[in-house]
Amino acid sequence: MKKRPNPFAKQLKKDISISLGIDVIEYFETMAQEKGISSQELINLYLQDCVVSKRKLSLN
């Protein structure tokens, strides 16, 4: 049987480049080390939680 590429793979994740503050990077790197996952994965999980819970940032 011939393998076919997943047609939904591109919808699952997309590579982007963003600039983050050093303190933000260090915070997530420390937390990621404690959890045994990559900081990129931890940031993605945190942002996904924001999406699911419809969390909004207060800019007041």
C-alpha atoms as a PDB file:
ATOM      1  CA  MET A   1       0.000   0.000   0.000  1.00  0.00           C
ATOM      2  CA  LYS A   2       1.324   3.417  -0.970  1.00  0.00           C
ATOM      3  CA  LYS A   3       1.604   6.062   1.780  1.00  0.00           C
ATOM      4  CA  ARG A   4      -0.079   9.394   1.139  1.00  0.00           C
ATOM      5  CA  PRO A   5       0.874  12.646   2.839  1.00  0.00           C
ATOM      6  CA  ASN A   6      -1.526  13.895   5.495  1.00  0.00           C
ATOM      7  CA  PRO A   7      -3.667  16.602   3.807  1.00  0.00           C
ATOM      8  CA  PHE A   8      -4.235  18.286   7.167  1.00  0.00           C
ATOM      9  CA  ALA A   9      -0.581  18.448   8.243  1.00  0.00           C
ATOM     10  CA  LYS A  10      -0.125  22.041   7.083  1.00  0.00           C
ATOM     11  CA  GLN A  11      -3.162  23.106   9.102  1.00  0.00           C
ATOM     12  CA  LEU A  12      -1.817  21.621  12.328  1.00  0.00           C
ATOM     13  CA  LYS A  13       1.206  23.891  12.775  1.00  0.00           C
ATOM     14  CA  LYS A  14       2.888  26.695  10.882  1.00  0.00           C
ATOM     15  CA  ASP A  15       6.432  27.963  11.330  1.00  0.00           C
ATOM     16  CA  ILE A  16       6.674  31.651  12.177  1.00  0.00           C
ATOM     17  CA  SER A  17       9.333  33.942  13.528  1.00  0.00           C
ATOM     18  CA  ILE A  18       8.577  36.257  16.459  1.00  0.00           C
ATOM     19  CA  SER A  19      10.692  38.452  18.689  1.00  0.00           C
ATOM     20  CA  LEU A  20      10.265  37.810  22.399  1.00  0.00           C
ATOM     21  CA  GLY A  21      11.753  39.606  25.367  1.00  0.00           C
ATOM     22  CA  ILE A  22      14.745  37.957  27.028  1.00  0.00           C
ATOM     23  CA  ASP A  23      12.789  37.688  30.287  1.00  0.00           C
ATOM     24  CA  VAL A  24       9.919  35.920  28.504  1.00  0.00           C
ATOM     25  CA  ILE A  25      12.294  33.457  26.853  1.00  0.00           C
ATOM     26  CA  GLU A  26      14.084  32.731  30.136  1.00  0.00           C
ATOM     27  CA  TYR A  27      10.761  32.257  31.952  1.00  0.00           C
ATOM     28  CA  PHE A  28       9.475  29.700  29.438  1.00  0.00           C
ATOM     29  CA  GLU A  29      12.852  27.946  29.165  1.00  0.00           C
ATOM     30  CA  THR A  30      12.963  27.495  32.956  1.00  0.00           C
ATOM     31  CA  MET A  31       9.389  26.212  33.083  1.00  0.00           C
ATOM     32  CA  ALA A  32      10.026  23.901  30.119  1.00  0.00           C
ATOM     33  CA  GLN A  33      13.087  22.379  31.791  1.00  0.00           C
ATOM     34  CA  GLU A  34      11.020  21.719  34.933  1.00  0.00           C
ATOM     35  CA  LYS A  35       8.348  19.979  32.824  1.00  0.00           C
ATOM     36  CA  GLY A  36      10.813  18.112  30.602  1.00  0.00           C
ATOM     37  CA  ILE A  37       9.562  19.589  27.321  1.00  0.00           C
ATOM     38  CA  SER A  38      10.910  22.148  24.867  1.00  0.00           C
ATOM     39  CA  SER A  39      10.223  25.821  25.457  1.00  0.00           C
ATOM     40  CA  GLN A  40       8.645  26.025  21.996  1.00  0.00           C
ATOM     41  CA  GLU A  41       6.209  23.252  22.906  1.00  0.00           C
ATOM     42  CA  LEU A  42       5.414  24.914  26.241  1.00  0.00           C
ATOM     43  CA  ILE A  43       4.733  28.288  24.595  1.00  0.00           C
ATOM     44  CA  ASN A  44       2.481  26.574  22.049  1.00  0.00           C
ATOM     45  CA  LEU A  45       0.592  24.760  24.830  1.00  0.00           C
ATOM     46  CA  TYR A  46       0.159  28.022  26.756  1.00  0.00           C
ATOM     47  CA  LEU A  47      -1.121  29.900  23.714  1.00  0.00           C
ATOM     48  CA  GLN A  48      -3.423  26.991  22.812  1.00  0.00           C
ATOM     49  CA  ASP A  49      -4.862  27.176  26.346  1.00  0.00           C
ATOM     50  CA  CYS A  50      -5.497  30.901  25.776  1.00  0.00           C
ATOM     51  CA  VAL A  51      -7.360  30.065  22.554  1.00  0.00           C
ATOM     52  CA  VAL A  52      -9.480  27.328  24.137  1.00  0.00           C
ATOM     53  CA  SER A  53     -10.390  29.413  27.181  1.00  0.00           C
ATOM     54  CA  LYS A  54     -10.818  32.579  25.051  1.00  0.00           C
ATOM     55  CA  ARG A  55      -8.481  34.413  27.427  1.00  0.00           C
ATOM     56  CA  LYS A  56      -8.057  38.081  26.573  1.00  0.00           C
ATOM     57  CA  LEU A  57      -5.238  40.364  27.609  1.00  0.00           C
ATOM     58  CA  SER A  58      -6.258  43.460  29.517  1.00  0.00           C
ATOM     59  CA  LEU A  59      -4.384  46.467  28.157  1.00  0.00           C
ATOM     60  CA  ASN A  60      -5.870  49.039  30.528  1.00  0.00           C
END
